[in-house]
Amino acid sequence: MISAILYQLTKGLSIDEIKASGFDTYFVDHTTGIYPVAASGTPFTAAYFQSKGDIITDLHENMAAEQKARTTYDNILRLADDPDVRDPIRFLRQREIVHFQRFGDR
């Protein structure tokens, strides 16, 4: 869903729009392709996945990941005003809440 939103937001951008938005440095490396990177510019790494082999520890790690994702969606909602962005982000945020609750029920 996030990739589809990003595609829709970047489809057909002019070079002037790319430069004005500060998207130019990303564009140089990835054009408008989806490349998993944090807002800070840190690329995604498998190190984000944590597993200790203990079911209780791993369950708490999963619950924390759901909360981190919820916070990210909250932050996006604070910044975005486009309903075509906000509606799917609200859905994803609610999904994180439900996942957190279900993990906690176990």
PDB file of N, CA and C in Angstrom:
ATOM      1  N   MET A   1       0.825  -1.194   0.000  1.00  0.00           N
ATOM      2  CA  MET A   1       0.000   0.000   0.000  1.00  0.00           C
ATOM      3  C   MET A   1       0.871   1.260   0.000  1.00  0.00           C
ATOM      4  N   ILE A   2       1.898   1.251   0.821  1.00  0.00           N
ATOM      5  CA  ILE A   2       2.766   2.418   0.896  1.00  0.00           C
ATOM      6  C   ILE A   2       3.434   2.658  -0.457  1.00  0.00           C
ATOM      7  N   SER A   3       3.896   1.588  -1.090  1.00  0.00           N
ATOM      8  CA  SER A   3       4.529   1.726  -2.402  1.00  0.00           C
ATOM      9  C   SER A   3       3.557   2.306  -3.422  1.00  0.00           C
ATOM     10  N   ALA A   4       2.306   1.876  -3.381  1.00  0.00           N
ATOM     11  CA  ALA A   4       1.308   2.399  -4.316  1.00  0.00           C
ATOM     12  C   ALA A   4       1.065   3.883  -4.073  1.00  0.00           C
ATOM     13  N   ILE A   5       1.018   4.298  -2.807  1.00  0.00           N
ATOM     14  CA  ILE A   5       0.838   5.716  -2.486  1.00  0.00           C
ATOM     15  C   ILE A   5       2.017   6.526  -3.006  1.00  0.00           C
ATOM     16  N   LEU A   6       3.228   6.031  -2.757  1.00  0.00           N
ATOM     17  CA  LEU A   6       4.417   6.745  -3.224  1.00  0.00           C
ATOM     18  C   LEU A   6       4.445   6.841  -4.738  1.00  0.00           C
ATOM     19  N   TYR A   7       4.061   5.768  -5.409  1.00  0.00           N
ATOM     20  CA  TYR A   7       4.013   5.785  -6.868  1.00  0.00           C
ATOM     21  C   TYR A   7       3.044   6.867  -7.351  1.00  0.00           C
ATOM     22  N   GLN A   8       1.866   6.910  -6.743  1.00  0.00           N
ATOM     23  CA  GLN A   8       0.871   7.897  -7.152  1.00  0.00           C
ATOM     24  C   GLN A   8       1.346   9.325  -6.898  1.00  0.00           C
ATOM     25  N   LEU A   9       2.063   9.535  -5.795  1.00  0.00           N
ATOM     26  CA  LEU A   9       2.525  10.879  -5.455  1.00  0.00           C
ATOM     27  C   LEU A   9       3.679  11.349  -6.333  1.00  0.00           C
ATOM     28  N   THR A  10       4.466  10.407  -6.849  1.00  0.00           N
ATOM     29  CA  THR A  10       5.647  10.798  -7.624  1.00  0.00           C
ATOM     30  C   THR A  10       5.460  10.639  -9.132  1.00  0.00           C
ATOM     31  N   LYS A  11       4.390  10.019  -9.555  1.00  0.00           N
ATOM     32  CA  LYS A  11       4.137   9.792 -10.980  1.00  0.00           C
ATOM     33  C   LYS A  11       4.014  11.132 -11.716  1.00  0.00           C
ATOM     34  N   GLY A  12       4.827  11.283 -12.727  1.00  0.00           N
ATOM     35  CA  GLY A  12       4.730  12.459 -13.579  1.00  0.00           C
ATOM     36  C   GLY A  12       5.346  13.729 -13.003  1.00  0.00           C
ATOM     37  N   LEU A  13       6.161  13.624 -11.963  1.00  0.00           N
ATOM     38  CA  LEU A  13       6.814  14.816 -11.426  1.00  0.00           C
ATOM     39  C   LEU A  13       7.747  15.425 -12.464  1.00  0.00           C
ATOM     40  N   SER A  14       7.717  16.739 -12.552  1.00  0.00           N
ATOM     41  CA  SER A  14       8.660  17.419 -13.442  1.00  0.00           C
ATOM     42  C   SER A  14       9.990  17.580 -12.705  1.00  0.00           C
ATOM     43  N   ILE A  15      11.052  17.856 -13.456  1.00  0.00           N
ATOM     44  CA  ILE A  15      12.364  18.081 -12.841  1.00  0.00           C
ATOM     45  C   ILE A  15      12.301  19.274 -11.882  1.00  0.00           C
ATOM     46  N   ASP A  16      11.574  20.309 -12.241  1.00  0.00           N
ATOM     47  CA  ASP A  16      11.433  21.471 -11.351  1.00  0.00           C
ATOM     48  C   ASP A  16      10.742  21.087 -10.039  1.00  0.00           C
ATOM     49  N   GLU A  17       9.693  20.262 -10.127  1.00  0.00           N
ATOM     50  CA  GLU A  17       9.001  19.805  -8.912  1.00  0.00           C
ATOM     51  C   GLU A  17       9.913  18.931  -8.055  1.00  0.00           C
ATOM     52  N   ILE A  18      10.696  18.097  -8.709  1.00  0.00           N
ATOM     53  CA  ILE A  18      11.628  17.222  -7.992  1.00  0.00           C
ATOM     54  C   ILE A  18      12.646  18.056  -7.223  1.00  0.00           C
ATOM     55  N   LYS A  19      13.200  19.057  -7.874  1.00  0.00           N
ATOM     56  CA  LYS A  19      14.193  19.933  -7.233  1.00  0.00           C
ATOM     57  C   LYS A  19      13.560  20.753  -6.113  1.00  0.00           C
ATOM     58  N   ALA A  20      12.396  21.324  -6.368  1.00  0.00           N
ATOM     59  CA  ALA A  20      11.736  22.195  -5.385  1.00  0.00           C
ATOM     60  C   ALA A  20      11.338  21.431  -4.120  1.00  0.00           C
ATOM     61  N   SER A  21      11.040  20.147  -4.262  1.00  0.00           N
ATOM     62  CA  SER A  21      10.590  19.359  -3.107  1.00  0.00           C
ATOM     63  C   SER A  21      11.736  18.780  -2.295  1.00  0.00           C
ATOM     64  N   GLY A  22      12.963  18.914  -2.800  1.00  0.00           N
ATOM     65  CA  GLY A  22      14.095  18.300  -2.095  1.00  0.00           C
ATOM     66  C   GLY A  22      14.236  16.821  -2.406  1.00  0.00           C
ATOM     67  N   PHE A  23      13.524  16.345  -3.401  1.00  0.00           N
ATOM     68  CA  PHE A  23      13.511  14.938  -3.793  1.00  0.00           C
ATOM     69  C   PHE A  23      14.666  14.611  -4.739  1.00  0.00           C
ATOM     70  N   ASP A  24      15.445  15.630  -5.107  1.00  0.00           N
ATOM     71  CA  ASP A  24      16.463  15.465  -6.144  1.00  0.00           C
ATOM     72  C   ASP A  24      17.573  14.492  -5.765  1.00  0.00           C
ATOM     73  N   THR A  25      18.013  14.485  -4.509  1.00  0.00           N
ATOM     74  CA  THR A  25      19.102  13.577  -4.135  1.00  0.00           C
ATOM     75  C   THR A  25      18.639  12.117  -4.192  1.00  0.00           C
ATOM     76  N   TYR A  26      17.411  11.868  -3.770  1.00  0.00           N
ATOM     77  CA  TYR A  26      16.845  10.521  -3.879  1.00  0.00           C
ATOM     78  C   TYR A  26      16.697  10.148  -5.351  1.00  0.00           C
ATOM     79  N   PHE A  27      16.198  11.094  -6.149  1.00  0.00           N
ATOM     80  CA  PHE A  27      15.941  10.876  -7.571  1.00  0.00           C
ATOM     81  C   PHE A  27      17.212  10.464  -8.310  1.00  0.00           C
ATOM     82  N   VAL A  28      18.339  11.061  -7.951  1.00  0.00           N
ATOM     83  CA  VAL A  28      19.608  10.738  -8.609  1.00  0.00           C
ATOM     84  C   VAL A  28      19.923   9.252  -8.476  1.00  0.00           C
ATOM     85  N   ASP A  29      19.697   8.698  -7.296  1.00  0.00           N
ATOM     86  CA  ASP A  29      20.020   7.290  -7.056  1.00  0.00           C
ATOM     87  C   ASP A  29      18.919   6.318  -7.477  1.00  0.00           C
ATOM     88  N   HIS A  30      17.661   6.713  -7.366  1.00  0.00           N
ATOM     89  CA  HIS A  30      16.566   5.749  -7.522  1.00  0.00           C
ATOM     90  C   HIS A  30      15.464   6.187  -8.480  1.00  0.00           C
ATOM     91  N   THR A  31      15.646   7.326  -9.166  1.00  0.00           N
ATOM     92  CA  THR A  31      14.585   7.920  -9.980  1.00  0.00           C
ATOM     93  C   THR A  31      13.366   8.042  -9.070  1.00  0.00           C
ATOM     94  N   THR A  32      12.204   7.562  -9.474  1.00  0.00           N
ATOM     95  CA  THR A  32      11.055   7.580  -8.563  1.00  0.00           C
ATOM     96  C   THR A  32      10.721   6.166  -8.103  1.00  0.00           C
ATOM     97  N   GLY A  33      11.673   5.250  -8.271  1.00  0.00           N
ATOM     98  CA  GLY A  33      11.472   3.877  -7.817  1.00  0.00           C
ATOM     99  C   GLY A  33      11.406   3.795  -6.300  1.00  0.00           C
ATOM    100  N   ILE A  34      10.743   2.767  -5.831  1.00  0.00           N
ATOM    101  CA  ILE A  34      10.597   2.560  -4.395  1.00  0.00           C
ATOM    102  C   ILE A  34      11.849   1.863  -3.868  1.00  0.00           C
ATOM    103  N   TYR A  35      12.541   2.553  -2.992  1.00  0.00           N
ATOM    104  CA  TYR A  35      13.735   2.019  -2.346  1.00  0.00           C
ATOM    105  C   TYR A  35      13.521   2.151  -0.846  1.00  0.00           C
ATOM    106  N   PRO A  36      13.540   1.039  -0.123  1.00  0.00           N
ATOM    107  CA  PRO A  36      13.224   1.101   1.318  1.00  0.00           C
ATOM    108  C   PRO A  36      14.300   1.830   2.110  1.00  0.00           C
ATOM    109  N   VAL A  37      13.944   3.025   2.544  1.00  0.00           N
ATOM    110  CA  VAL A  37      14.883   3.875   3.268  1.00  0.00           C
ATOM    111  C   VAL A  37      14.100   4.657   4.320  1.00  0.00           C
ATOM    112  N   ALA A  38      14.699   4.863   5.481  1.00  0.00           N
ATOM    113  CA  ALA A  38      14.066   5.655   6.535  1.00  0.00           C
ATOM    114  C   ALA A  38      14.061   7.128   6.139  1.00  0.00           C
ATOM    115  N   ALA A  39      13.232   7.904   6.793  1.00  0.00           N
ATOM    116  CA  ALA A  39      13.169   9.339   6.512  1.00  0.00           C
ATOM    117  C   ALA A  39      14.527  10.005   6.729  1.00  0.00           C
ATOM    118  N   SER A  40      15.358   9.413   7.580  1.00  0.00           N
ATOM    119  CA  SER A  40      16.693   9.949   7.851  1.00  0.00           C
ATOM    120  C   SER A  40      17.673   9.647   6.724  1.00  0.00           C
ATOM    121  N   GLY A  41      17.264   8.783   5.782  1.00  0.00           N
ATOM    122  CA  GLY A  41      18.134   8.390   4.686  1.00  0.00           C
ATOM    123  C   GLY A  41      18.834   7.062   4.907  1.00  0.00           C
ATOM    124  N   THR A  42      18.594   6.433   6.045  1.00  0.00           N
ATOM    125  CA  THR A  42      19.216   5.154   6.349  1.00  0.00           C
ATOM    126  C   THR A  42      18.505   4.043   5.577  1.00  0.00           C
ATOM    127  N   PRO A  43      19.232   3.296   4.739  1.00  0.00           N
ATOM    128  CA  PRO A  43      18.593   2.207   3.985  1.00  0.00           C
ATOM    129  C   PRO A  43      18.113   1.092   4.906  1.00  0.00           C
ATOM    130  N   PHE A  44      17.090   0.386   4.438  1.00  0.00           N
ATOM    131  CA  PHE A  44      16.579  -0.759   5.182  1.00  0.00           C
ATOM    132  C   PHE A  44      17.656  -1.833   5.275  1.00  0.00           C
ATOM    133  N   THR A  45      17.684  -2.523   6.375  1.00  0.00           N
ATOM    134  CA  THR A  45      18.605  -3.631   6.575  1.00  0.00           C
ATOM    135  C   THR A  45      17.891  -4.748   7.320  1.00  0.00           C
ATOM    136  N   ALA A  46      18.293  -5.961   7.066  1.00  0.00           N
ATOM    137  CA  ALA A  46      17.691  -7.103   7.761  1.00  0.00           C
ATOM    138  C   ALA A  46      17.961  -7.051   9.259  1.00  0.00           C
ATOM    139  N   ALA A  47      18.897  -6.206   9.696  1.00  0.00           N
ATOM    140  CA  ALA A  47      19.171  -6.070  11.127  1.00  0.00           C
ATOM    141  C   ALA A  47      17.950  -5.529  11.877  1.00  0.00           C
ATOM    142  N   TYR A  48      16.992  -4.956  11.155  1.00  0.00           N
ATOM    143  CA  TYR A  48      15.774  -4.472  11.805  1.00  0.00           C
ATOM    144  C   TYR A  48      14.944  -5.628  12.351  1.00  0.00           C
ATOM    145  N   PHE A  49      15.116  -6.808  11.788  1.00  0.00           N
ATOM    146  CA  PHE A  49      14.390  -7.974  12.274  1.00  0.00           C
ATOM    147  C   PHE A  49      15.132  -8.544  13.472  1.00  0.00           C
ATOM    148  N   GLN A  50      14.453  -8.677  14.558  1.00  0.00           N
ATOM    149  CA  GLN A  50      15.088  -9.175  15.774  1.00  0.00           C
ATOM    150  C   GLN A  50      14.487 -10.526  16.147  1.00  0.00           C
ATOM    151  N   SER A  51      15.327 -11.446  16.519  1.00  0.00           N
ATOM    152  CA  SER A  51      14.879 -12.757  16.989  1.00  0.00           C
ATOM    153  C   SER A  51      15.906 -13.289  17.968  1.00  0.00           C
ATOM    154  N   LYS A  52      15.427 -13.664  19.148  1.00  0.00           N
ATOM    155  CA  LYS A  52      16.303 -14.221  20.168  1.00  0.00           C
ATOM    156  C   LYS A  52      16.077 -15.721  20.348  1.00  0.00           C
ATOM    157  N   GLY A  53      15.024 -16.246  19.745  1.00  0.00           N
ATOM    158  CA  GLY A  53      14.743 -17.666  19.893  1.00  0.00           C
ATOM    159  C   GLY A  53      13.953 -17.988  21.152  1.00  0.00           C
ATOM    160  N   ASP A  54      13.577 -16.979  21.908  1.00  0.00           N
ATOM    161  CA  ASP A  54      12.740 -17.155  23.091  1.00  0.00           C
ATOM    162  C   ASP A  54      11.372 -16.584  22.760  1.00  0.00           C
ATOM    163  N   ILE A  55      10.334 -17.384  22.864  1.00  0.00           N
ATOM    164  CA  ILE A  55       9.008 -16.973  22.387  1.00  0.00           C
ATOM    165  C   ILE A  55       8.491 -15.721  23.081  1.00  0.00           C
ATOM    166  N   ILE A  56       8.731 -15.582  24.372  1.00  0.00           N
ATOM    167  CA  ILE A  56       8.247 -14.405  25.101  1.00  0.00           C
ATOM    168  C   ILE A  56       9.017 -13.155  24.646  1.00  0.00           C
ATOM    169  N   THR A  57      10.332 -13.284  24.565  1.00  0.00           N
ATOM    170  CA  THR A  57      11.156 -12.151  24.114  1.00  0.00           C
ATOM    171  C   THR A  57      10.774 -11.752  22.695  1.00  0.00           C
ATOM    172  N   ASP A  58      10.642 -12.715  21.802  1.00  0.00           N
ATOM    173  CA  ASP A  58      10.304 -12.427  20.411  1.00  0.00           C
ATOM    174  C   ASP A  58       8.902 -11.829  20.288  1.00  0.00           C
ATOM    175  N   LEU A  59       7.968 -12.288  21.103  1.00  0.00           N
ATOM    176  CA  LEU A  59       6.613 -11.741  21.086  1.00  0.00           C
ATOM    177  C   LEU A  59       6.633 -10.269  21.491  1.00  0.00           C
ATOM    178  N   HIS A  60       7.401  -9.943  22.512  1.00  0.00           N
ATOM    179  CA  HIS A  60       7.500  -8.541  22.932  1.00  0.00           C
ATOM    180  C   HIS A  60       8.190  -7.687  21.865  1.00  0.00           C
ATOM    181  N   GLU A  61       9.161  -8.252  21.189  1.00  0.00           N
ATOM    182  CA  GLU A  61       9.816  -7.537  20.088  1.00  0.00           C
ATOM    183  C   GLU A  61       8.809  -7.255  18.973  1.00  0.00           C
ATOM    184  N   ASN A  62       7.963  -8.244  18.667  1.00  0.00           N
ATOM    185  CA  ASN A  62       6.935  -8.056  17.640  1.00  0.00           C
ATOM    186  C   ASN A  62       5.934  -6.977  18.059  1.00  0.00           C
ATOM    187  N   MET A  63       5.559  -6.992  19.330  1.00  0.00           N
ATOM    188  CA  MET A  63       4.620  -5.980  19.826  1.00  0.00           C
ATOM    189  C   MET A  63       5.244  -4.581  19.730  1.00  0.00           C
ATOM    190  N   ALA A  64       6.518  -4.491  20.064  1.00  0.00           N
ATOM    191  CA  ALA A  64       7.204  -3.198  19.966  1.00  0.00           C
ATOM    192  C   ALA A  64       7.257  -2.733  18.512  1.00  0.00           C
ATOM    193  N   ALA A  65       7.476  -3.642  17.585  1.00  0.00           N
ATOM    194  CA  ALA A  65       7.510  -3.288  16.162  1.00  0.00           C
ATOM    195  C   ALA A  65       6.163  -2.740  15.701  1.00  0.00           C
ATOM    196  N   GLU A  66       5.076  -3.318  16.189  1.00  0.00           N
ATOM    197  CA  GLU A  66       3.739  -2.821  15.836  1.00  0.00           C
ATOM    198  C   GLU A  66       3.557  -1.395  16.352  1.00  0.00           C
ATOM    199  N   GLN A  67       4.023  -1.126  17.559  1.00  0.00           N
ATOM    200  CA  GLN A  67       3.899   0.212  18.136  1.00  0.00           C
ATOM    201  C   GLN A  67       4.777   1.214  17.389  1.00  0.00           C
ATOM    202  N   LYS A  68       5.962   0.792  16.973  1.00  0.00           N
ATOM    203  CA  LYS A  68       6.834   1.685  16.209  1.00  0.00           C
ATOM    204  C   LYS A  68       6.184   2.038  14.873  1.00  0.00           C
ATOM    205  N   ALA A  69       5.578   1.052  14.230  1.00  0.00           N
ATOM    206  CA  ALA A  69       4.896   1.308  12.959  1.00  0.00           C
ATOM    207  C   ALA A  69       3.714   2.252  13.177  1.00  0.00           C
ATOM    208  N   ARG A  70       2.972   2.048  14.268  1.00  0.00           N
ATOM    209  CA  ARG A  70       1.841   2.932  14.568  1.00  0.00           C
ATOM    210  C   ARG A  70       2.329   4.374  14.740  1.00  0.00           C
ATOM    211  N   THR A  71       3.429   4.559  15.441  1.00  0.00           N
ATOM    212  CA  THR A  71       3.974   5.901  15.634  1.00  0.00           C
ATOM    213  C   THR A  71       4.369   6.527  14.300  1.00  0.00           C
ATOM    214  N   THR A  72       4.960   5.734  13.415  1.00  0.00           N
ATOM    215  CA  THR A  72       5.318   6.245  12.092  1.00  0.00           C
ATOM    216  C   THR A  72       4.074   6.699  11.345  1.00  0.00           C
ATOM    217  N   TYR A  73       3.018   5.900  11.389  1.00  0.00           N
ATOM    218  CA  TYR A  73       1.770   6.281  10.722  1.00  0.00           C
ATOM    219  C   TYR A  73       1.164   7.527  11.365  1.00  0.00           C
ATOM    220  N   ASP A  74       1.242   7.635  12.699  1.00  0.00           N
ATOM    221  CA  ASP A  74       0.767   8.848  13.374  1.00  0.00           C
ATOM    222  C   ASP A  74       1.512  10.071  12.848  1.00  0.00           C
ATOM    223  N   ASN A  75       2.812   9.938  12.693  1.00  0.00           N
ATOM    224  CA  ASN A  75       3.623  11.060  12.207  1.00  0.00           C
ATOM    225  C   ASN A  75       3.272  11.425  10.768  1.00  0.00           C
ATOM    226  N   ILE A  76       3.037  10.416   9.931  1.00  0.00           N
ATOM    227  CA  ILE A  76       2.615  10.697   8.550  1.00  0.00           C
ATOM    228  C   ILE A  76       1.294  11.443   8.554  1.00  0.00           C
ATOM    229  N   LEU A  77       0.359  11.009   9.401  1.00  0.00           N
ATOM    230  CA  LEU A  77      -0.945  11.672   9.472  1.00  0.00           C
ATOM    231  C   LEU A  77      -0.821  13.118   9.942  1.00  0.00           C
ATOM    232  N   ARG A  78       0.161  13.407  10.771  1.00  0.00           N
ATOM    233  CA  ARG A  78       0.387  14.790  11.210  1.00  0.00           C
ATOM    234  C   ARG A  78       0.864  15.665  10.048  1.00  0.00           C
ATOM    235  N   LEU A  79       1.553  15.077   9.091  1.00  0.00           N
ATOM    236  CA  LEU A  79       2.143  15.835   7.985  1.00  0.00           C
ATOM    237  C   LEU A  79       1.286  15.878   6.729  1.00  0.00           C
ATOM    238  N   ALA A  80       0.505  14.839   6.490  1.00  0.00           N
ATOM    239  CA  ALA A  80      -0.229  14.712   5.224  1.00  0.00           C
ATOM    240  C   ALA A  80      -1.617  15.328   5.330  1.00  0.00           C
ATOM    241  N   ASP A  81      -2.027  15.997   4.263  1.00  0.00           N
ATOM    242  CA  ASP A  81      -3.386  16.537   4.238  1.00  0.00           C
ATOM    243  C   ASP A  81      -4.212  15.985   3.077  1.00  0.00           C
ATOM    244  N   ASP A  82      -3.607  15.176   2.236  1.00  0.00           N
ATOM    245  CA  ASP A  82      -4.288  14.586   1.084  1.00  0.00           C
ATOM    246  C   ASP A  82      -5.116  13.378   1.541  1.00  0.00           C
ATOM    247  N   PRO A  83      -6.434  13.411   1.329  1.00  0.00           N
ATOM    248  CA  PRO A  83      -7.269  12.280   1.762  1.00  0.00           C
ATOM    249  C   PRO A  83      -6.872  10.949   1.106  1.00  0.00           C
ATOM    250  N   ASP A  84      -6.312  11.015  -0.114  1.00  0.00           N
ATOM    251  CA  ASP A  84      -5.883   9.785  -0.780  1.00  0.00           C
ATOM    252  C   ASP A  84      -4.645   9.191  -0.117  1.00  0.00           C
ATOM    253  N   VAL A  85      -3.945   9.962   0.676  1.00  0.00           N
ATOM    254  CA  VAL A  85      -2.820   9.468   1.469  1.00  0.00           C
ATOM    255  C   VAL A  85      -3.315   9.106   2.868  1.00  0.00           C
ATOM    256  N   ARG A  86      -4.085   9.984   3.463  1.00  0.00           N
ATOM    257  CA  ARG A  86      -4.509   9.800   4.856  1.00  0.00           C
ATOM    258  C   ARG A  86      -5.389   8.556   5.053  1.00  0.00           C
ATOM    259  N   ASP A  87      -6.302   8.306   4.138  1.00  0.00           N
ATOM    260  CA  ASP A  87      -7.230   7.178   4.326  1.00  0.00           C
ATOM    261  C   ASP A  87      -6.503   5.834   4.401  1.00  0.00           C
ATOM    262  N   PRO A  88      -5.623   5.493   3.453  1.00  0.00           N
ATOM    263  CA  PRO A  88      -4.929   4.214   3.587  1.00  0.00           C
ATOM    264  C   PRO A  88      -3.964   4.187   4.782  1.00  0.00           C
ATOM    265  N   ILE A  89      -3.387   5.332   5.133  1.00  0.00           N
ATOM    266  CA  ILE A  89      -2.500   5.367   6.298  1.00  0.00           C
ATOM    267  C   ILE A  89      -3.306   5.118   7.569  1.00  0.00           C
ATOM    268  N   ARG A  90      -4.504   5.672   7.643  1.00  0.00           N
ATOM    269  CA  ARG A  90      -5.375   5.388   8.799  1.00  0.00           C
ATOM    270  C   ARG A  90      -5.671   3.887   8.887  1.00  0.00           C
ATOM    271  N   PHE A  91      -5.952   3.273   7.734  1.00  0.00           N
ATOM    272  CA  PHE A  91      -6.209   1.837   7.715  1.00  0.00           C
ATOM    273  C   PHE A  91      -4.987   1.073   8.241  1.00  0.00           C
ATOM    274  N   LEU A  92      -3.797   1.417   7.741  1.00  0.00           N
ATOM    275  CA  LEU A  92      -2.581   0.729   8.173  1.00  0.00           C
ATOM    276  C   LEU A  92      -2.314   0.958   9.661  1.00  0.00           C
ATOM    277  N   ARG A  93      -2.576   2.162  10.138  1.00  0.00           N
ATOM    278  CA  ARG A  93      -2.400   2.469  11.560  1.00  0.00           C
ATOM    279  C   ARG A  93      -3.324   1.593  12.403  1.00  0.00           C
ATOM    280  N   GLN A  94      -4.570   1.490  11.992  1.00  0.00           N
ATOM    281  CA  GLN A  94      -5.527   0.659  12.735  1.00  0.00           C
ATOM    282  C   GLN A  94      -5.104  -0.808  12.709  1.00  0.00           C
ATOM    283  N   ARG A  95      -4.568  -1.250  11.607  1.00  0.00           N
ATOM    284  CA  ARG A  95      -4.085  -2.638  11.509  1.00  0.00           C
ATOM    285  C   ARG A  95      -2.961  -2.881  12.515  1.00  0.00           C
ATOM    286  N   GLU A  96      -2.062  -1.913  12.684  1.00  0.00           N
ATOM    287  CA  GLU A  96      -0.982  -2.069  13.671  1.00  0.00           C
ATOM    288  C   GLU A  96      -1.545  -2.176  15.081  1.00  0.00           C
ATOM    289  N   ILE A  97      -2.570  -1.387  15.359  1.00  0.00           N
ATOM    290  CA  ILE A  97      -3.202  -1.435  16.683  1.00  0.00           C
ATOM    291  C   ILE A  97      -3.804  -2.808  16.935  1.00  0.00           C
ATOM    292  N   VAL A  98      -4.511  -3.342  15.950  1.00  0.00           N
ATOM    293  CA  VAL A  98      -5.127  -4.667  16.095  1.00  0.00           C
ATOM    294  C   VAL A  98      -4.055  -5.744  16.255  1.00  0.00           C
ATOM    295  N   HIS A  99      -2.984  -5.660  15.467  1.00  0.00           N
ATOM    296  CA  HIS A  99      -1.900  -6.638  15.602  1.00  0.00           C
ATOM    297  C   HIS A  99      -1.322  -6.589  17.011  1.00  0.00           C
ATOM    298  N   PHE A 100      -1.067  -5.388  17.524  1.00  0.00           N
ATOM    299  CA  PHE A 100      -0.525  -5.238  18.871  1.00  0.00           C
ATOM    300  C   PHE A 100      -1.461  -5.875  19.894  1.00  0.00           C
ATOM    301  N   GLN A 101      -2.745  -5.613  19.748  1.00  0.00           N
ATOM    302  CA  GLN A 101      -3.720  -6.173  20.689  1.00  0.00           C
ATOM    303  C   GLN A 101      -3.763  -7.697  20.599  1.00  0.00           C
ATOM    304  N   ARG A 102      -3.725  -8.230  19.392  1.00  0.00           N
ATOM    305  CA  ARG A 102      -3.782  -9.686  19.231  1.00  0.00           C
ATOM    306  C   ARG A 102      -2.526 -10.357  19.772  1.00  0.00           C
ATOM    307  N   PHE A 103      -1.368  -9.760  19.521  1.00  0.00           N
ATOM    308  CA  PHE A 103      -0.127 -10.317  20.096  1.00  0.00           C
ATOM    309  C   PHE A 103      -0.227 -10.320  21.619  1.00  0.00           C
ATOM    310  N   GLY A 104      -0.810  -9.263  22.183  1.00  0.00           N
ATOM    311  CA  GLY A 104      -0.930  -9.166  23.629  1.00  0.00           C
ATOM    312  C   GLY A 104      -1.904 -10.161  24.226  1.00  0.00           C
ATOM    313  N   ASP A 105      -2.865 -10.619  23.417  1.00  0.00           N
ATOM    314  CA  ASP A 105      -3.839 -11.602  23.893  1.00  0.00           C
ATOM    315  C   ASP A 105      -3.228 -12.994  24.071  1.00  0.00           C
ATOM    316  N   ARG A 106      -2.105 -13.224  23.488  1.00  0.00           N
ATOM    317  CA  ARG A 106      -1.505 -14.576  23.517  1.00  0.00           C
ATOM    318  C   ARG A 106      -0.844 -14.869  24.809  1.00  0.00           C
TER     319      ARG A 106
END
